[in-house]
Amino acid sequence: MRRLPLNLAALAVLATSAFPVYWMVLTAFKPTSEIQADTPTFLPLHPTLEHFRTAVDAQGFGTFWRNSLAVTLGSVLLALLVGLLAAFAVGRMRWRGRRAFILLVFTAQMAPWEALLIPMYVIARDTDMLDSLTMLTLVYFMTTLPFTIVTLRGFLASVPAELEEAALVDGCTRPQAFRRVTLPLLAPGLLATSLFGFITAWNEFAFANTLIIKNQDARTLPVWLSSFANVFGTDWGATMAAASLFMLPVLLVFLALQKNVTTGMTAGAVKG
């Protein structure tokens, strides 16, 4: 009984968080007459897939999907590669300026993204990289890199250095010891940071809407969703169907990775 208030609070938070998602998916399956009815219904009386067909048949759907996927995967892979090397340098090496570097990384992590919109626009304009997916990829890489470094540094600190030293005694070089011993133990950290980076880059709207101005073919899915609003109003059914399709990749990636994002691998390696 003492846990009952906590359980009720958890259920209230769950319901508050999940209801908008439920309403989005519900609206996607409702016909337009039910969406515009004065009395809302919590189940579709006449389910339809017409809104999904409208979303998929919309101009540029495949192009914007590929743009979002390319930008997201590119930024995540870059952040993992650079963040892993930086975390190893910070966690395993001693060099002048290391503390200042860590402080700068934390400062970059705390900076609000909205404050970077104007500087990033000026940089893209001065380097002639407006309307470029390359610039958008670099921006997402920059915004996810501090979190990647901080997270991987924490995971790396939990891996005993003695494991690498034992591998060196057995004849491995330093890169071989890292690749064969430490890197497999960092899998939970790599998965956690890649999941965060994927969600961040996939859902980001402000930078994509600011840096992609003239070249409409370089837009991403979050910006594309705004195309369902026109002078005649908003097609809420198609918008909710497009948003449901937009949510699917993140949901699938989360379901695929969430079981593997654990920290028990290090403890097992030390005991072995």
Protein backbone atom coordinates (compact mmCIF):
# COMPACT_ATOMS: atom_id res chain seq x y z
CA MET A 1 0.00 0.00 0.00
CA ARG A 2 2.92 2.36 0.62
CA ARG A 3 3.87 2.06 -3.07
CA LEU A 4 0.33 2.77 -4.27
CA PRO A 5 0.73 6.59 -4.50
CA LEU A 6 3.95 6.16 -6.50
CA ASN A 7 2.30 3.68 -8.83
CA LEU A 8 -0.68 5.97 -9.33
CA ALA A 9 1.65 8.90 -10.05
CA ALA A 10 3.56 6.78 -12.57
CA LEU A 11 0.32 5.80 -14.30
CA ALA A 12 -0.76 9.45 -14.42
CA VAL A 13 2.55 10.45 -16.03
CA LEU A 14 2.25 7.57 -18.50
CA ALA A 15 -1.29 8.52 -19.47
CA THR A 16 -0.38 12.19 -19.86
CA SER A 17 2.60 11.33 -22.07
CA ALA A 18 0.93 8.63 -24.15
CA PHE A 19 -2.44 10.29 -24.79
CA PRO A 20 -1.20 12.77 -27.46
CA VAL A 21 0.47 9.91 -29.33
CA TYR A 22 -2.71 7.85 -29.07
CA TRP A 23 -4.78 10.78 -30.36
CA MET A 24 -2.39 11.30 -33.25
CA VAL A 25 -2.65 7.67 -34.38
CA LEU A 26 -6.40 7.64 -33.76
CA THR A 27 -6.92 10.74 -35.92
CA ALA A 28 -4.87 9.16 -38.69
CA PHE A 29 -7.39 6.32 -38.96
CA LYS A 30 -10.52 8.46 -38.65
CA PRO A 31 -12.42 9.66 -41.74
CA THR A 32 -12.62 13.42 -42.15
CA SER A 33 -16.26 13.53 -41.05
CA GLU A 34 -15.37 12.02 -37.66
CA ILE A 35 -12.33 14.29 -37.23
CA GLN A 36 -14.48 17.39 -37.76
CA ALA A 37 -17.42 16.14 -35.69
CA ASP A 38 -18.48 18.25 -32.71
CA THR A 39 -18.45 15.23 -30.40
CA PRO A 40 -15.03 13.50 -30.29
CA THR A 41 -14.83 9.73 -30.30
CA PHE A 42 -12.05 7.73 -28.70
CA LEU A 43 -12.23 4.91 -31.25
CA PRO A 44 -12.64 5.23 -35.03
CA LEU A 45 -16.20 4.25 -35.94
CA HIS A 46 -15.30 3.78 -39.61
CA PRO A 47 -11.50 3.22 -39.85
CA THR A 48 -9.88 4.30 -43.08
CA LEU A 49 -6.41 4.28 -44.67
CA GLU A 50 -7.21 7.19 -46.96
CA HIS A 51 -5.11 9.63 -44.95
CA PHE A 52 -2.07 7.36 -45.15
CA ARG A 53 -2.48 7.14 -48.92
CA THR A 54 -2.68 10.94 -49.08
CA ALA A 55 0.51 11.26 -47.04
CA VAL A 56 2.45 8.68 -49.06
CA ASP A 57 1.27 10.10 -52.39
CA ALA A 58 2.19 13.66 -51.38
CA GLN A 59 4.83 15.27 -53.58
CA GLY A 60 8.37 14.56 -52.44
CA PHE A 61 7.51 12.04 -49.72
CA GLY A 62 10.22 9.59 -50.79
CA THR A 63 12.79 12.33 -51.35
CA PHE A 64 12.27 13.90 -47.92
CA TRP A 65 12.36 10.47 -46.30
CA ARG A 66 15.74 9.75 -47.89
CA ASN A 67 17.00 13.19 -46.88
CA SER A 68 16.08 12.65 -43.23
CA LEU A 69 17.60 9.18 -43.21
CA ALA A 70 20.85 10.31 -44.84
CA VAL A 71 21.27 13.32 -42.54
CA THR A 72 20.43 11.32 -39.42
CA LEU A 73 22.68 8.35 -40.13
CA GLY A 74 25.54 10.58 -41.27
CA SER A 75 25.46 12.72 -38.15
CA VAL A 76 25.15 9.71 -35.82
CA LEU A 77 28.09 7.87 -37.41
CA LEU A 78 30.28 10.98 -37.35
CA ALA A 79 29.40 11.67 -33.71
CA LEU A 80 30.16 8.07 -32.71
CA LEU A 81 33.52 8.03 -34.49
CA VAL A 82 34.78 11.41 -33.24
CA GLY A 83 33.16 11.03 -29.82
CA LEU A 84 34.75 7.62 -29.27
CA LEU A 85 38.22 8.91 -30.11
CA ALA A 86 37.75 12.01 -27.94
CA ALA A 87 36.39 9.96 -25.02
CA PHE A 88 39.40 7.63 -25.21
CA ALA A 89 41.78 10.60 -25.25
CA VAL A 90 40.06 12.14 -22.24
CA GLY A 91 39.52 8.94 -20.28
CA ARG A 92 42.76 7.06 -20.89
CA MET A 93 45.42 9.70 -21.62
CA ARG A 94 46.96 12.51 -19.60
CA TRP A 95 47.79 15.66 -21.53
CA ARG A 96 47.98 19.39 -20.94
CA GLY A 97 44.62 21.09 -21.36
CA ARG A 98 42.54 17.97 -20.70
CA ARG A 99 40.52 19.58 -17.89
CA ALA A 100 39.86 22.67 -19.99
CA PHE A 101 38.73 20.45 -22.87
CA ILE A 102 36.29 18.59 -20.64
CA LEU A 103 34.95 21.89 -19.31
CA LEU A 104 34.41 23.16 -22.86
CA VAL A 105 32.57 19.95 -23.77
CA PHE A 106 30.24 20.35 -20.77
CA THR A 107 29.70 24.01 -21.67
CA ALA A 108 28.77 23.08 -25.23
CA GLN A 109 26.39 20.44 -23.90
CA MET A 110 24.61 23.01 -21.69
CA ALA A 111 24.27 25.66 -24.41
CA PRO A 112 20.67 25.96 -25.72
CA TRP A 113 20.32 24.96 -29.36
CA GLU A 114 18.13 27.96 -30.08
CA ALA A 115 21.08 30.24 -29.31
CA LEU A 116 23.02 28.57 -32.13
CA LEU A 117 20.47 29.16 -34.87
CA ILE A 118 21.73 32.60 -35.94
CA PRO A 119 25.47 31.71 -35.73
CA MET A 120 24.90 28.54 -37.75
CA TYR A 121 22.91 30.47 -40.35
CA VAL A 122 25.70 33.06 -40.66
CA ILE A 123 28.34 30.33 -41.00
CA ALA A 124 26.30 28.49 -43.64
CA ARG A 125 25.69 31.72 -45.55
CA ASP A 126 29.33 32.81 -45.48
CA THR A 127 30.57 29.37 -46.57
CA ASP A 128 27.92 29.09 -49.31
CA MET A 129 26.42 26.00 -47.65
CA LEU A 130 22.81 27.10 -47.29
CA ASP A 131 20.29 24.63 -48.71
CA SER A 132 22.87 21.88 -48.24
CA LEU A 133 22.28 18.53 -46.59
CA THR A 134 25.99 18.41 -45.82
CA MET A 135 25.69 21.51 -43.65
CA LEU A 136 22.63 20.08 -41.92
CA THR A 137 24.51 16.85 -41.22
CA LEU A 138 27.43 18.79 -39.72
CA VAL A 139 25.07 20.82 -37.54
CA TYR A 140 23.39 17.69 -36.16
CA PHE A 141 26.82 16.13 -35.67
CA MET A 142 27.91 19.20 -33.70
CA THR A 143 24.82 19.23 -31.49
CA THR A 144 25.07 15.53 -30.57
CA LEU A 145 28.86 15.35 -30.20
CA PRO A 146 29.14 16.80 -26.64
CA PHE A 147 26.58 14.33 -25.29
CA THR A 148 28.37 11.50 -27.09
CA ILE A 149 31.75 12.43 -25.59
CA VAL A 150 30.37 12.82 -22.06
CA THR A 151 28.41 9.56 -22.20
CA LEU A 152 31.20 7.47 -23.74
CA ARG A 153 33.70 8.95 -21.27
CA GLY A 154 31.50 7.67 -18.44
CA PHE A 155 31.24 4.20 -19.96
CA LEU A 156 34.98 4.14 -20.67
CA ALA A 157 35.74 5.06 -17.06
CA SER A 158 33.78 1.99 -15.93
CA VAL A 159 36.02 -0.32 -17.98
CA PRO A 160 39.10 -1.18 -15.86
CA ALA A 161 42.36 -0.14 -17.48
CA GLU A 162 43.82 -3.43 -16.22
CA LEU A 163 41.97 -5.25 -18.99
CA GLU A 164 43.88 -3.31 -21.63
CA GLU A 165 47.14 -3.75 -19.72
CA ALA A 166 46.60 -7.51 -19.64
CA ALA A 167 46.02 -7.50 -23.40
CA LEU A 168 49.26 -5.52 -23.87
CA VAL A 169 51.15 -8.10 -21.81
CA ASP A 170 49.68 -10.84 -24.03
CA GLY A 171 51.22 -9.16 -27.08
CA CYS A 172 48.50 -6.83 -28.35
CA THR A 173 49.36 -3.36 -29.51
CA ARG A 174 47.49 -0.42 -27.98
CA PRO A 175 45.00 -0.15 -30.88
CA GLN A 176 44.48 -3.93 -30.86
CA ALA A 177 43.86 -3.94 -27.11
CA PHE A 178 41.29 -1.19 -27.48
CA ARG A 179 39.56 -2.84 -30.45
CA ARG A 180 39.49 -6.38 -29.02
CA VAL A 181 38.96 -5.71 -25.31
CA THR A 182 37.59 -2.24 -24.61
CA LEU A 183 35.43 -1.60 -27.66
CA PRO A 184 33.13 -4.63 -27.13
CA LEU A 185 32.57 -3.52 -23.53
CA LEU A 186 31.56 -0.06 -24.76
CA ALA A 187 28.66 -1.49 -26.78
CA PRO A 188 26.00 -0.29 -24.27
CA GLY A 189 27.40 3.24 -24.42
CA LEU A 190 27.61 3.20 -28.20
CA LEU A 191 24.02 2.01 -28.46
CA ALA A 192 22.76 4.57 -25.95
CA THR A 193 24.48 7.49 -27.67
CA SER A 194 23.47 6.34 -31.14
CA LEU A 195 19.85 6.06 -29.99
CA PHE A 196 19.94 9.57 -28.55
CA GLY A 197 21.62 10.95 -31.66
CA PHE A 198 19.16 9.25 -33.98
CA ILE A 199 16.13 10.57 -32.11
CA THR A 200 17.60 14.08 -31.89
CA ALA A 201 18.54 14.36 -35.56
CA TRP A 202 15.42 12.63 -36.86
CA ASN A 203 13.01 14.90 -34.97
CA GLU A 204 14.90 18.20 -35.34
CA PHE A 205 12.93 20.99 -37.05
CA ALA A 206 14.43 24.41 -36.26
CA PHE A 207 17.81 24.02 -38.00
CA ALA A 208 16.27 22.22 -40.98
CA ASN A 209 13.70 24.98 -41.40
CA THR A 210 16.34 27.73 -41.04
CA LEU A 211 19.17 26.36 -43.17
CA ILE A 212 17.06 24.90 -46.00
CA ILE A 213 15.41 27.90 -47.67
CA LYS A 214 15.39 27.83 -51.47
CA ASN A 215 16.15 24.20 -52.34
CA GLN A 216 12.87 22.56 -51.40
CA ASP A 217 14.15 19.15 -52.51
CA ALA A 218 16.63 19.24 -49.61
CA ARG A 219 13.93 19.48 -46.95
CA THR A 220 13.59 16.85 -44.25
CA LEU A 221 10.49 15.12 -42.92
CA PRO A 222 9.80 17.50 -39.97
CA VAL A 223 9.72 20.45 -42.38
CA TRP A 224 7.70 18.43 -44.89
CA LEU A 225 4.95 17.92 -42.29
CA SER A 226 4.16 21.63 -42.43
CA SER A 227 3.20 21.26 -46.11
CA PHE A 228 -0.21 19.88 -45.13
CA ALA A 229 -1.25 23.35 -44.00
CA ASN A 230 -2.36 25.55 -46.90
CA VAL A 231 -4.63 28.50 -47.64
CA PHE A 232 -7.65 26.20 -47.37
CA GLY A 233 -6.74 25.02 -43.86
CA THR A 234 -4.94 22.03 -42.43
CA ASP A 235 -5.64 18.47 -43.51
CA TRP A 236 -5.51 17.03 -40.01
CA GLY A 237 -6.07 13.44 -41.10
CA ALA A 238 -3.17 13.49 -43.56
CA THR A 239 -1.01 15.42 -41.10
CA MET A 240 -1.57 12.86 -38.34
CA ALA A 241 -1.01 9.99 -40.77
CA ALA A 242 2.27 11.56 -41.91
CA ALA A 243 3.29 12.14 -38.29
CA SER A 244 2.52 8.48 -37.48
CA LEU A 245 4.70 7.33 -40.39
CA PHE A 246 7.37 9.79 -39.28
CA MET A 247 7.34 8.25 -35.80
CA LEU A 248 7.80 4.65 -36.99
CA PRO A 249 11.60 4.64 -37.62
CA VAL A 250 12.35 6.09 -34.18
CA LEU A 251 10.02 3.57 -32.56
CA LEU A 252 11.61 0.66 -34.43
CA VAL A 253 15.15 1.81 -33.59
CA PHE A 254 14.21 2.18 -29.93
CA LEU A 255 12.60 -1.28 -29.78
CA ALA A 256 15.67 -2.80 -31.46
CA LEU A 257 18.20 -1.17 -29.13
CA GLN A 258 16.49 -0.75 -25.77
CA LYS A 259 17.15 -4.34 -24.65
CA ASN A 260 20.87 -3.97 -25.34
CA VAL A 261 21.41 -0.64 -23.56
CA THR A 262 22.64 -2.09 -20.28
CA THR A 263 25.74 -1.75 -18.17
CA GLY A 264 26.16 -5.32 -17.00
CA MET A 265 28.73 -6.32 -19.62
CA THR A 266 31.63 -4.65 -17.81
CA ALA A 267 30.94 -6.40 -14.52
CA GLY A 268 30.84 -9.76 -16.29
CA ALA A 269 34.15 -9.05 -18.03
CA VAL A 270 35.86 -8.15 -14.75
CA LYS A 271 34.62 -11.27 -13.02
CA GLY A 272 35.78 -13.41 -15.94
